[in-house]
Amino acid sequence: MSKTFRNAPNPKALSPDQITAFESGGPGHDTREIGKAGTHESANATSREQQNETKRVEPTKRFCIDMPATAHRRFKTACAASGVTMLDEVTGFILQRTGELETALSGDRETA
């Protein structure tokens, strides 16, 4: 028996305004609360309340990496045992390191 989609519902057509709204960050775009650079808990001793005040909602971008399965398992296990998400930890690491790189770059420009 072969499968057919003759009876499947067709999606409704979108208006040009709806398409433009989606393309410019309208409904349908993923947003998450992102902390300001340097608010990662291990990098900065600010309180949880201060971190929550600095959070804002902005569009997100997907970032995929390939890593060894054992490293992934260890990281996932450590995050779960600590009660933090892998996303929050990786984002914190990236923001912390980005700040360090930016500081190093600004120092290099001043000495040049």
N, C-alpha and C. Protein backbone atom coordinates (compact mmCIF):
# COMPACT_ATOMS: atom_id res chain seq x y z
N MET A 1 0.84 -1.19 0.00
CA MET A 1 0.00 0.00 0.00
C MET A 1 0.88 1.24 0.00
N SER A 2 0.67 2.10 -0.93
CA SER A 2 1.48 3.32 -1.00
C SER A 2 0.77 4.45 -0.26
N LYS A 3 1.58 5.37 0.22
CA LYS A 3 1.03 6.51 0.95
C LYS A 3 0.83 7.68 -0.01
N THR A 4 -0.26 8.37 0.16
CA THR A 4 -0.51 9.57 -0.65
C THR A 4 -0.90 10.71 0.28
N PHE A 5 -0.77 11.88 -0.24
CA PHE A 5 -1.09 13.08 0.54
C PHE A 5 -2.23 13.86 -0.11
N ARG A 6 -3.04 13.16 -0.89
CA ARG A 6 -4.15 13.82 -1.56
C ARG A 6 -5.10 14.51 -0.60
N ASN A 7 -5.33 13.90 0.55
CA ASN A 7 -6.31 14.43 1.50
C ASN A 7 -5.67 15.31 2.57
N ALA A 8 -4.37 15.55 2.45
CA ALA A 8 -3.70 16.38 3.44
C ALA A 8 -4.14 17.83 3.29
N PRO A 9 -4.31 18.54 4.40
CA PRO A 9 -4.73 19.95 4.29
C PRO A 9 -3.59 20.80 3.70
N ASN A 10 -3.97 21.78 2.93
CA ASN A 10 -3.00 22.72 2.37
C ASN A 10 -2.85 23.90 3.32
N PRO A 11 -1.62 24.38 3.54
CA PRO A 11 -1.46 25.55 4.40
C PRO A 11 -2.08 26.77 3.75
N LYS A 12 -2.59 27.68 4.59
CA LYS A 12 -3.19 28.89 4.01
C LYS A 12 -2.09 29.79 3.49
N ALA A 13 -2.39 30.52 2.45
CA ALA A 13 -1.43 31.43 1.83
C ALA A 13 -1.18 32.62 2.76
N LEU A 14 0.07 33.06 2.82
CA LEU A 14 0.42 34.21 3.64
C LEU A 14 0.39 35.47 2.80
N SER A 15 -0.01 36.56 3.42
CA SER A 15 -0.02 37.83 2.72
C SER A 15 1.40 38.38 2.66
N PRO A 16 1.68 39.28 1.73
CA PRO A 16 3.01 39.90 1.67
C PRO A 16 3.38 40.60 2.98
N ASP A 17 2.39 41.19 3.67
CA ASP A 17 2.67 41.85 4.95
C ASP A 17 3.12 40.83 6.00
N GLN A 18 2.49 39.66 6.04
CA GLN A 18 2.88 38.62 6.98
C GLN A 18 4.28 38.10 6.69
N ILE A 19 4.60 37.95 5.44
CA ILE A 19 5.95 37.49 5.05
C ILE A 19 6.99 38.52 5.44
N THR A 20 6.72 39.79 5.19
CA THR A 20 7.66 40.86 5.55
C THR A 20 7.84 40.93 7.07
N ALA A 21 6.75 40.79 7.82
CA ALA A 21 6.84 40.82 9.28
C ALA A 21 7.71 39.68 9.79
N PHE A 22 7.56 38.49 9.20
CA PHE A 22 8.38 37.36 9.62
C PHE A 22 9.84 37.60 9.29
N GLU A 23 10.12 38.08 8.09
CA GLU A 23 11.50 38.31 7.68
C GLU A 23 12.20 39.37 8.52
N SER A 24 11.45 40.29 9.06
CA SER A 24 12.06 41.37 9.84
C SER A 24 12.01 41.08 11.34
N GLY A 25 11.85 39.82 11.72
CA GLY A 25 11.90 39.46 13.13
C GLY A 25 10.56 39.44 13.81
N GLY A 26 9.52 39.30 13.06
CA GLY A 26 8.18 39.27 13.64
C GLY A 26 7.85 37.92 14.24
N PRO A 27 6.56 37.60 14.35
CA PRO A 27 6.14 36.34 14.95
C PRO A 27 6.80 35.16 14.25
N GLY A 28 7.19 34.17 15.05
CA GLY A 28 7.82 32.98 14.50
C GLY A 28 9.30 32.92 14.77
N HIS A 29 9.92 34.02 15.17
CA HIS A 29 11.33 34.01 15.48
C HIS A 29 11.55 33.63 16.93
N ASP A 30 12.57 32.83 17.16
CA ASP A 30 12.89 32.37 18.50
C ASP A 30 13.56 33.49 19.27
N THR A 31 13.13 33.70 20.49
CA THR A 31 13.79 34.66 21.37
C THR A 31 14.05 33.99 22.70
N ARG A 32 15.16 34.32 23.31
CA ARG A 32 15.51 33.79 24.61
C ARG A 32 16.06 34.94 25.44
N GLU A 33 16.02 34.76 26.75
CA GLU A 33 16.60 35.78 27.61
C GLU A 33 18.11 35.62 27.59
N ILE A 34 18.79 36.70 27.23
CA ILE A 34 20.24 36.68 27.13
C ILE A 34 20.80 37.69 28.12
N GLY A 35 21.76 37.29 28.93
CA GLY A 35 22.40 38.20 29.88
C GLY A 35 23.45 39.05 29.20
N LYS A 36 23.78 40.18 29.79
CA LYS A 36 24.82 41.05 29.24
C LYS A 36 26.17 40.37 29.42
N ALA A 37 27.14 40.74 28.59
CA ALA A 37 28.49 40.17 28.67
C ALA A 37 29.03 40.36 30.08
N GLY A 38 29.67 39.31 30.59
CA GLY A 38 30.28 39.41 31.90
C GLY A 38 29.37 39.06 33.06
N THR A 39 28.14 38.63 32.80
CA THR A 39 27.25 38.30 33.91
C THR A 39 27.25 36.82 34.22
N HIS A 40 28.10 36.04 33.56
CA HIS A 40 28.18 34.62 33.87
C HIS A 40 28.63 34.46 35.31
N GLU A 41 27.94 33.60 36.04
CA GLU A 41 28.11 33.53 37.49
C GLU A 41 29.55 33.26 37.90
N SER A 42 30.25 32.36 37.19
CA SER A 42 31.61 32.05 37.59
C SER A 42 32.58 33.17 37.22
N ALA A 43 32.22 34.01 36.27
CA ALA A 43 33.10 35.09 35.85
C ALA A 43 32.86 36.36 36.65
N ASN A 44 31.69 36.47 37.28
CA ASN A 44 31.34 37.71 37.96
C ASN A 44 30.55 37.36 39.21
N ALA A 45 30.85 37.98 40.30
CA ALA A 45 30.21 37.64 41.57
C ALA A 45 28.93 38.43 41.82
N THR A 46 28.25 38.89 40.78
CA THR A 46 27.01 39.63 40.97
C THR A 46 25.93 38.70 41.46
N SER A 47 24.95 39.26 42.14
CA SER A 47 23.86 38.45 42.67
C SER A 47 22.91 38.03 41.55
N ARG A 48 22.12 36.99 41.82
CA ARG A 48 21.16 36.48 40.84
C ARG A 48 20.14 37.57 40.49
N GLU A 49 19.75 38.40 41.46
CA GLU A 49 18.79 39.47 41.19
C GLU A 49 19.36 40.49 40.22
N GLN A 50 20.62 40.85 40.38
CA GLN A 50 21.24 41.81 39.47
C GLN A 50 21.33 41.23 38.07
N GLN A 51 21.64 39.92 37.96
CA GLN A 51 21.72 39.29 36.65
C GLN A 51 20.36 39.31 35.97
N ASN A 52 19.29 39.03 36.72
CA ASN A 52 17.95 39.03 36.13
C ASN A 52 17.56 40.41 35.63
N GLU A 53 18.01 41.47 36.32
CA GLU A 53 17.70 42.83 35.89
C GLU A 53 18.38 43.17 34.57
N THR A 54 19.54 42.58 34.30
CA THR A 54 20.28 42.92 33.08
C THR A 54 19.87 42.08 31.89
N LYS A 55 18.99 41.08 32.10
CA LYS A 55 18.58 40.22 30.98
C LYS A 55 17.63 40.97 30.06
N ARG A 56 17.73 40.61 28.77
CA ARG A 56 16.83 41.20 27.79
C ARG A 56 16.47 40.10 26.79
N VAL A 57 15.44 40.32 26.05
CA VAL A 57 15.02 39.35 25.06
C VAL A 57 15.49 39.85 23.70
N GLU A 58 16.19 39.00 22.97
CA GLU A 58 16.65 39.36 21.63
C GLU A 58 16.62 38.11 20.76
N PRO A 59 16.61 38.29 19.45
CA PRO A 59 16.60 37.12 18.56
C PRO A 59 17.84 36.26 18.79
N THR A 60 17.70 34.98 18.54
CA THR A 60 18.83 34.07 18.72
C THR A 60 19.32 33.57 17.37
N LYS A 61 20.53 33.06 17.35
CA LYS A 61 21.12 32.43 16.18
C LYS A 61 21.58 31.04 16.59
N ARG A 62 21.45 30.09 15.68
CA ARG A 62 21.88 28.72 15.97
C ARG A 62 23.38 28.64 15.80
N PHE A 63 24.04 27.90 16.72
CA PHE A 63 25.48 27.72 16.73
C PHE A 63 25.74 26.25 16.99
N CYS A 64 26.19 25.53 15.99
CA CYS A 64 26.40 24.09 16.13
C CYS A 64 27.89 23.77 16.09
N ILE A 65 28.31 22.86 16.96
CA ILE A 65 29.69 22.41 16.96
C ILE A 65 29.72 20.90 17.02
N ASP A 66 30.78 20.33 16.49
CA ASP A 66 31.01 18.90 16.62
C ASP A 66 32.07 18.72 17.70
N MET A 67 31.80 17.81 18.61
CA MET A 67 32.76 17.54 19.68
C MET A 67 32.74 16.06 19.99
N PRO A 68 33.80 15.55 20.62
CA PRO A 68 33.82 14.13 20.96
C PRO A 68 32.63 13.76 21.86
N ALA A 69 32.09 12.58 21.63
CA ALA A 69 30.92 12.13 22.39
C ALA A 69 31.20 12.07 23.89
N THR A 70 32.41 11.67 24.27
CA THR A 70 32.72 11.57 25.70
C THR A 70 32.75 12.96 26.35
N ALA A 71 33.29 13.95 25.64
CA ALA A 71 33.32 15.32 26.17
C ALA A 71 31.90 15.85 26.32
N HIS A 72 31.05 15.59 25.32
CA HIS A 72 29.66 16.02 25.36
C HIS A 72 28.94 15.38 26.54
N ARG A 73 29.13 14.09 26.74
CA ARG A 73 28.48 13.37 27.84
C ARG A 73 28.93 13.92 29.19
N ARG A 74 30.23 14.16 29.34
CA ARG A 74 30.75 14.70 30.60
C ARG A 74 30.17 16.08 30.88
N PHE A 75 30.12 16.94 29.84
CA PHE A 75 29.60 18.30 30.00
C PHE A 75 28.12 18.26 30.35
N LYS A 76 27.35 17.44 29.64
CA LYS A 76 25.92 17.33 29.89
C LYS A 76 25.65 16.81 31.30
N THR A 77 26.42 15.81 31.72
CA THR A 77 26.26 15.25 33.06
C THR A 77 26.59 16.28 34.14
N ALA A 78 27.71 17.00 33.94
CA ALA A 78 28.11 18.02 34.92
C ALA A 78 27.08 19.13 35.01
N CYS A 79 26.54 19.55 33.87
CA CYS A 79 25.51 20.61 33.88
C CYS A 79 24.26 20.13 34.60
N ALA A 80 23.82 18.90 34.30
CA ALA A 80 22.62 18.37 34.93
C ALA A 80 22.82 18.24 36.45
N ALA A 81 23.99 17.77 36.86
CA ALA A 81 24.26 17.62 38.28
C ALA A 81 24.32 18.96 39.00
N SER A 82 24.72 20.01 38.27
CA SER A 82 24.81 21.36 38.85
C SER A 82 23.49 22.13 38.76
N GLY A 83 22.53 21.58 38.02
CA GLY A 83 21.23 22.25 37.88
C GLY A 83 21.25 23.43 36.93
N VAL A 84 22.17 23.42 35.98
CA VAL A 84 22.23 24.49 34.98
C VAL A 84 22.06 23.89 33.60
N THR A 85 21.64 24.70 32.65
CA THR A 85 21.48 24.20 31.29
C THR A 85 22.79 24.32 30.53
N MET A 86 22.97 23.44 29.58
CA MET A 86 24.16 23.49 28.74
C MET A 86 24.19 24.82 27.97
N LEU A 87 23.03 25.27 27.51
CA LEU A 87 22.95 26.53 26.78
C LEU A 87 23.46 27.69 27.61
N ASP A 88 23.01 27.78 28.86
CA ASP A 88 23.45 28.88 29.72
C ASP A 88 24.95 28.82 29.98
N GLU A 89 25.48 27.62 30.18
CA GLU A 89 26.92 27.48 30.44
C GLU A 89 27.74 27.87 29.22
N VAL A 90 27.36 27.36 28.04
CA VAL A 90 28.12 27.68 26.82
C VAL A 90 28.02 29.18 26.51
N THR A 91 26.82 29.74 26.65
CA THR A 91 26.65 31.18 26.41
C THR A 91 27.51 31.98 27.37
N GLY A 92 27.55 31.58 28.62
CA GLY A 92 28.39 32.27 29.61
C GLY A 92 29.86 32.19 29.26
N PHE A 93 30.32 31.00 28.86
CA PHE A 93 31.72 30.85 28.46
C PHE A 93 32.05 31.75 27.28
N ILE A 94 31.17 31.77 26.29
CA ILE A 94 31.42 32.57 25.08
C ILE A 94 31.44 34.06 25.42
N LEU A 95 30.48 34.52 26.22
CA LEU A 95 30.45 35.94 26.59
C LEU A 95 31.67 36.33 27.40
N GLN A 96 32.08 35.47 28.32
CA GLN A 96 33.28 35.75 29.13
C GLN A 96 34.52 35.85 28.24
N ARG A 97 34.70 34.87 27.37
CA ARG A 97 35.89 34.86 26.50
C ARG A 97 35.85 36.01 25.50
N THR A 98 34.68 36.34 24.99
CA THR A 98 34.56 37.46 24.07
C THR A 98 35.01 38.76 24.75
N GLY A 99 34.59 38.96 26.00
CA GLY A 99 35.03 40.13 26.76
C GLY A 99 36.54 40.16 26.92
N GLU A 100 37.13 38.99 27.22
CA GLU A 100 38.59 38.92 27.36
C GLU A 100 39.29 39.26 26.06
N LEU A 101 38.78 38.72 24.94
CA LEU A 101 39.39 39.01 23.64
C LEU A 101 39.25 40.48 23.27
N GLU A 102 38.08 41.05 23.54
CA GLU A 102 37.87 42.48 23.25
C GLU A 102 38.79 43.35 24.08
N THR A 103 38.99 42.99 25.34
CA THR A 103 39.90 43.74 26.21
C THR A 103 41.33 43.65 25.69
N ALA A 104 41.73 42.44 25.28
CA ALA A 104 43.07 42.25 24.73
C ALA A 104 43.25 43.05 23.45
N LEU A 105 42.23 43.08 22.62
CA LEU A 105 42.31 43.85 21.36
C LEU A 105 42.41 45.34 21.63
N SER A 106 41.63 45.84 22.58
CA SER A 106 41.69 47.27 22.88
C SER A 106 43.05 47.63 23.49
N GLY A 107 43.66 46.71 24.26
CA GLY A 107 44.99 46.96 24.81
C GLY A 107 46.04 46.96 23.72
N ASP A 108 45.90 46.08 22.72
CA ASP A 108 46.84 46.05 21.61
C ASP A 108 46.77 47.33 20.78
N ARG A 109 45.58 47.87 20.62
CA ARG A 109 45.42 49.10 19.83
C ARG A 109 46.05 50.30 20.54
N GLU A 110 45.95 50.30 21.89
CA GLU A 110 46.51 51.42 22.64
C GLU A 110 48.02 51.42 22.61
N THR A 111 48.66 50.24 22.56
CA THR A 111 50.11 50.16 22.56
C THR A 111 50.69 50.34 21.17
N ALA A 112 49.86 50.23 20.13
CA ALA A 112 50.36 50.36 18.76
C ALA A 112 50.53 51.80 18.34
